Structures are given as structure tokens and as C-alpha cells.
């Protein structure tokens, strides 16, 4: 097990503390739980799903066009 020290704004701390209290978790446990939830739900795609995405040539081309538009400054991610 590792120890991590982090700095957050007071308003962020208050939100984390409120969420932890709402789930009856201590702060450390809630941060670990929330991090794992975020990473496993939004950052990773199963191999089968990725293969399906990559096989859809129209989707891949649209994604590439979108990246080009973003690089050209046509859009801003908010």
C-alpha cells in the first residue's frame, strides 16, 4: 500500500468530504473508490469493444476528422 499526499482547493475538499460522508466512507477510502470507479468506467475499453470500434471505418474516419478540426482550432473541448 502506498501513501499519497495531494493538495486540493477548499471547495474541492468540501465536495469530496461531503461525498465521502454520504457514502459513510473515510476520506482516503472514498478517494480510492472514486478514482477506481472513474478509471474503470471511462478510461478503458474492452478489447472486443475496441475491435468493434476499429472495424467501423466510417466512425474511425469521423473521429479522425474531429481530431483534425480540434487541432485546427475549429472547436474547443469544454
N, C-alpha and C. Protein backbone atom coordinates (compact mmCIF):
# COMPACT_ATOMS: atom_id res chain seq x y z
N UNK A 1 0.85 -1.17 0.00
CA UNK A 1 0.00 0.00 0.00
C UNK A 1 0.89 1.23 0.00
N UNK A 2 0.51 2.24 -0.77
CA UNK A 2 1.26 3.48 -0.89
C UNK A 2 0.51 4.62 -0.22
N UNK A 3 1.25 5.62 0.22
CA UNK A 3 0.68 6.84 0.77
C UNK A 3 0.84 7.93 -0.27
N UNK A 4 -0.24 8.67 -0.52
CA UNK A 4 -0.22 9.75 -1.49
C UNK A 4 -0.64 11.03 -0.79
N UNK A 5 0.13 12.08 -0.99
CA UNK A 5 -0.22 13.38 -0.45
C UNK A 5 -0.66 14.26 -1.61
N UNK A 6 -1.78 14.97 -1.44
CA UNK A 6 -2.25 15.82 -2.51
C UNK A 6 -2.82 17.12 -1.96
N UNK A 7 -2.77 18.14 -2.77
CA UNK A 7 -3.35 19.42 -2.40
C UNK A 7 -4.58 19.66 -3.27
N UNK A 8 -5.64 20.13 -2.64
CA UNK A 8 -6.86 20.48 -3.37
C UNK A 8 -7.40 21.78 -2.82
N UNK A 9 -8.14 22.50 -3.65
CA UNK A 9 -8.81 23.71 -3.19
C UNK A 9 -9.80 23.36 -2.09
N UNK A 10 -10.06 24.32 -1.24
CA UNK A 10 -11.00 24.09 -0.14
C UNK A 10 -12.37 23.64 -0.65
N UNK A 11 -12.82 24.23 -1.75
CA UNK A 11 -14.15 23.88 -2.27
C UNK A 11 -14.16 22.43 -2.78
N UNK A 12 -13.06 21.98 -3.37
CA UNK A 12 -12.96 20.59 -3.83
C UNK A 12 -12.93 19.66 -2.63
N UNK A 13 -12.15 20.02 -1.62
CA UNK A 13 -12.10 19.21 -0.40
C UNK A 13 -13.51 19.07 0.19
N UNK A 14 -14.25 20.17 0.25
CA UNK A 14 -15.59 20.12 0.82
C UNK A 14 -16.50 19.17 0.03
N UNK A 15 -16.37 19.18 -1.31
CA UNK A 15 -17.17 18.27 -2.13
C UNK A 15 -16.78 16.81 -1.86
N UNK A 16 -15.48 16.55 -1.79
CA UNK A 16 -15.02 15.18 -1.55
C UNK A 16 -15.47 14.71 -0.17
N UNK A 17 -15.32 15.57 0.81
CA UNK A 17 -15.71 15.22 2.18
C UNK A 17 -17.21 14.94 2.27
N UNK A 18 -18.00 15.77 1.62
CA UNK A 18 -19.45 15.58 1.62
C UNK A 18 -19.83 14.26 0.96
N UNK A 19 -19.20 13.96 -0.17
CA UNK A 19 -19.47 12.70 -0.86
C UNK A 19 -19.05 11.50 -0.02
N UNK A 20 -17.88 11.60 0.63
CA UNK A 20 -17.40 10.51 1.48
C UNK A 20 -18.36 10.29 2.64
N UNK A 21 -18.78 11.37 3.27
CA UNK A 21 -19.72 11.25 4.39
C UNK A 21 -21.04 10.63 3.92
N UNK A 22 -21.47 11.01 2.73
CA UNK A 22 -22.72 10.48 2.19
C UNK A 22 -22.67 8.99 1.95
N UNK A 23 -21.48 8.47 1.68
CA UNK A 23 -21.32 7.03 1.47
C UNK A 23 -20.78 6.33 2.71
N UNK A 24 -20.69 7.07 3.79
CA UNK A 24 -20.17 6.54 5.06
C UNK A 24 -18.79 5.92 4.88
N UNK A 25 -17.93 6.64 4.15
CA UNK A 25 -16.55 6.23 3.93
C UNK A 25 -15.64 7.30 4.52
N UNK A 26 -14.44 6.88 4.91
CA UNK A 26 -13.48 7.91 5.30
C UNK A 26 -12.94 8.54 4.02
N UNK A 27 -12.27 9.67 4.17
CA UNK A 27 -11.81 10.43 3.02
C UNK A 27 -10.89 9.62 2.12
N UNK A 28 -9.93 8.96 2.71
CA UNK A 28 -8.97 8.17 1.95
C UNK A 28 -9.66 7.06 1.16
N UNK A 29 -10.57 6.35 1.81
CA UNK A 29 -11.28 5.27 1.15
C UNK A 29 -12.14 5.80 0.02
N UNK A 30 -12.79 6.95 0.22
CA UNK A 30 -13.63 7.49 -0.83
C UNK A 30 -12.80 7.91 -2.04
N UNK A 31 -11.66 8.55 -1.82
CA UNK A 31 -10.81 8.97 -2.93
C UNK A 31 -10.35 7.76 -3.72
N UNK A 32 -9.95 6.69 -3.03
CA UNK A 32 -9.54 5.47 -3.73
C UNK A 32 -10.71 4.89 -4.52
N UNK A 33 -11.88 4.80 -3.88
CA UNK A 33 -13.07 4.26 -4.53
C UNK A 33 -13.44 5.08 -5.77
N UNK A 34 -13.49 6.40 -5.63
CA UNK A 34 -13.88 7.28 -6.73
C UNK A 34 -12.88 7.20 -7.88
N UNK A 35 -11.60 7.10 -7.56
CA UNK A 35 -10.57 7.01 -8.59
C UNK A 35 -10.71 5.71 -9.37
N UNK A 36 -10.89 4.61 -8.68
CA UNK A 36 -11.04 3.32 -9.35
C UNK A 36 -12.30 3.32 -10.21
N UNK A 37 -13.39 3.86 -9.69
CA UNK A 37 -14.64 3.94 -10.45
C UNK A 37 -14.43 4.74 -11.74
N UNK A 38 -13.77 5.88 -11.63
CA UNK A 38 -13.54 6.73 -12.80
C UNK A 38 -12.66 6.02 -13.82
N UNK A 39 -11.56 5.46 -13.36
CA UNK A 39 -10.62 4.83 -14.29
C UNK A 39 -11.21 3.61 -14.99
N UNK A 40 -11.98 2.83 -14.28
CA UNK A 40 -12.53 1.62 -14.89
C UNK A 40 -13.76 1.89 -15.74
N UNK A 41 -14.44 3.00 -15.51
CA UNK A 41 -15.65 3.24 -16.29
C UNK A 41 -15.44 4.16 -17.48
N UNK A 42 -14.45 5.02 -17.45
CA UNK A 42 -14.35 5.98 -18.54
C UNK A 42 -13.02 5.98 -19.27
N UNK A 43 -12.05 5.27 -18.79
CA UNK A 43 -10.73 5.33 -19.41
C UNK A 43 -10.36 4.09 -20.20
N UNK A 44 -11.03 3.00 -19.96
CA UNK A 44 -10.63 1.75 -20.59
C UNK A 44 -11.78 1.16 -21.40
N UNK A 45 -11.43 0.56 -22.51
CA UNK A 45 -12.39 -0.11 -23.37
C UNK A 45 -11.93 -1.56 -23.49
N UNK A 46 -12.87 -2.47 -23.36
CA UNK A 46 -12.55 -3.89 -23.51
C UNK A 46 -12.06 -4.15 -24.93
N UNK A 47 -11.24 -5.17 -25.10
CA UNK A 47 -10.68 -5.49 -26.42
C UNK A 47 -11.75 -5.73 -27.48
N UNK A 48 -12.81 -6.45 -27.12
CA UNK A 48 -13.89 -6.71 -28.08
C UNK A 48 -14.54 -5.41 -28.54
N UNK A 49 -14.77 -4.50 -27.58
CA UNK A 49 -15.39 -3.23 -27.92
C UNK A 49 -14.46 -2.39 -28.79
N UNK A 50 -13.18 -2.38 -28.49
CA UNK A 50 -12.22 -1.61 -29.29
C UNK A 50 -12.13 -2.18 -30.70
N UNK A 51 -12.13 -3.49 -30.84
CA UNK A 51 -12.11 -4.11 -32.17
C UNK A 51 -13.34 -3.72 -32.98
N UNK A 52 -14.48 -3.69 -32.32
CA UNK A 52 -15.72 -3.29 -32.99
C UNK A 52 -15.64 -1.84 -33.45
N UNK A 53 -15.10 -0.99 -32.62
CA UNK A 53 -14.93 0.42 -32.98
C UNK A 53 -14.00 0.55 -34.17
N UNK A 54 -12.86 -0.12 -34.12
CA UNK A 54 -11.86 -0.01 -35.18
C UNK A 54 -12.34 -0.58 -36.51
N UNK A 55 -13.25 -1.54 -36.47
CA UNK A 55 -13.79 -2.13 -37.70
C UNK A 55 -14.79 -1.21 -38.40
N UNK A 56 -15.31 -0.24 -37.66
CA UNK A 56 -16.28 0.71 -38.23
C UNK A 56 -15.51 1.84 -38.91
N UNK A 57 -15.21 1.68 -40.18
CA UNK A 57 -14.36 2.63 -40.92
C UNK A 57 -14.94 4.04 -40.94
N UNK A 58 -16.26 4.15 -41.07
CA UNK A 58 -16.88 5.48 -41.09
C UNK A 58 -16.70 6.18 -39.75
N UNK A 59 -16.90 5.44 -38.67
CA UNK A 59 -16.71 6.02 -37.34
C UNK A 59 -15.27 6.47 -37.15
N UNK A 60 -14.32 5.63 -37.52
CA UNK A 60 -12.90 5.97 -37.36
C UNK A 60 -12.58 7.22 -38.17
N UNK A 61 -13.09 7.31 -39.40
CA UNK A 61 -12.83 8.50 -40.22
C UNK A 61 -13.44 9.74 -39.59
N UNK A 62 -14.65 9.63 -39.06
CA UNK A 62 -15.29 10.76 -38.39
C UNK A 62 -14.49 11.21 -37.17
N UNK A 63 -13.97 10.24 -36.41
CA UNK A 63 -13.15 10.57 -35.25
C UNK A 63 -11.86 11.29 -35.66
N UNK A 64 -11.24 10.80 -36.73
CA UNK A 64 -10.02 11.43 -37.23
C UNK A 64 -10.31 12.85 -37.72
N UNK A 65 -11.43 13.03 -38.42
CA UNK A 65 -11.82 14.37 -38.86
C UNK A 65 -12.05 15.29 -37.68
N UNK A 66 -12.67 14.77 -36.64
CA UNK A 66 -12.90 15.57 -35.44
C UNK A 66 -11.59 15.98 -34.78
N UNK A 67 -10.63 15.07 -34.73
CA UNK A 67 -9.32 15.41 -34.17
C UNK A 67 -8.63 16.49 -35.00
N UNK A 68 -8.74 16.37 -36.31
CA UNK A 68 -8.16 17.40 -37.19
C UNK A 68 -8.82 18.75 -36.94
N UNK A 69 -10.15 18.76 -36.83
CA UNK A 69 -10.86 20.01 -36.54
C UNK A 69 -10.40 20.61 -35.22
N UNK A 70 -10.21 19.77 -34.23
CA UNK A 70 -9.76 20.23 -32.92
C UNK A 70 -8.35 20.83 -33.02
N UNK A 71 -7.46 20.14 -33.71
CA UNK A 71 -6.09 20.63 -33.89
C UNK A 71 -6.05 21.95 -34.65
N UNK A 72 -6.98 22.12 -35.58
CA UNK A 72 -7.04 23.35 -36.37
C UNK A 72 -7.70 24.49 -35.62
N UNK A 73 -8.18 24.23 -34.41
CA UNK A 73 -8.81 25.28 -33.62
C UNK A 73 -10.26 25.54 -33.97
N UNK A 74 -10.87 24.63 -34.73
CA UNK A 74 -12.27 24.81 -35.12
C UNK A 74 -13.22 24.61 -33.96
N UNK A 75 -12.80 23.86 -32.96
CA UNK A 75 -13.65 23.55 -31.81
C UNK A 75 -12.83 23.63 -30.53
N UNK A 76 -13.52 23.79 -29.41
CA UNK A 76 -12.89 23.78 -28.11
C UNK A 76 -13.60 22.76 -27.24
N UNK A 77 -12.85 21.91 -26.57
CA UNK A 77 -13.44 20.94 -25.65
C UNK A 77 -13.68 21.64 -24.32
N UNK A 78 -14.89 21.52 -23.84
CA UNK A 78 -15.26 22.18 -22.59
C UNK A 78 -15.52 21.14 -21.54
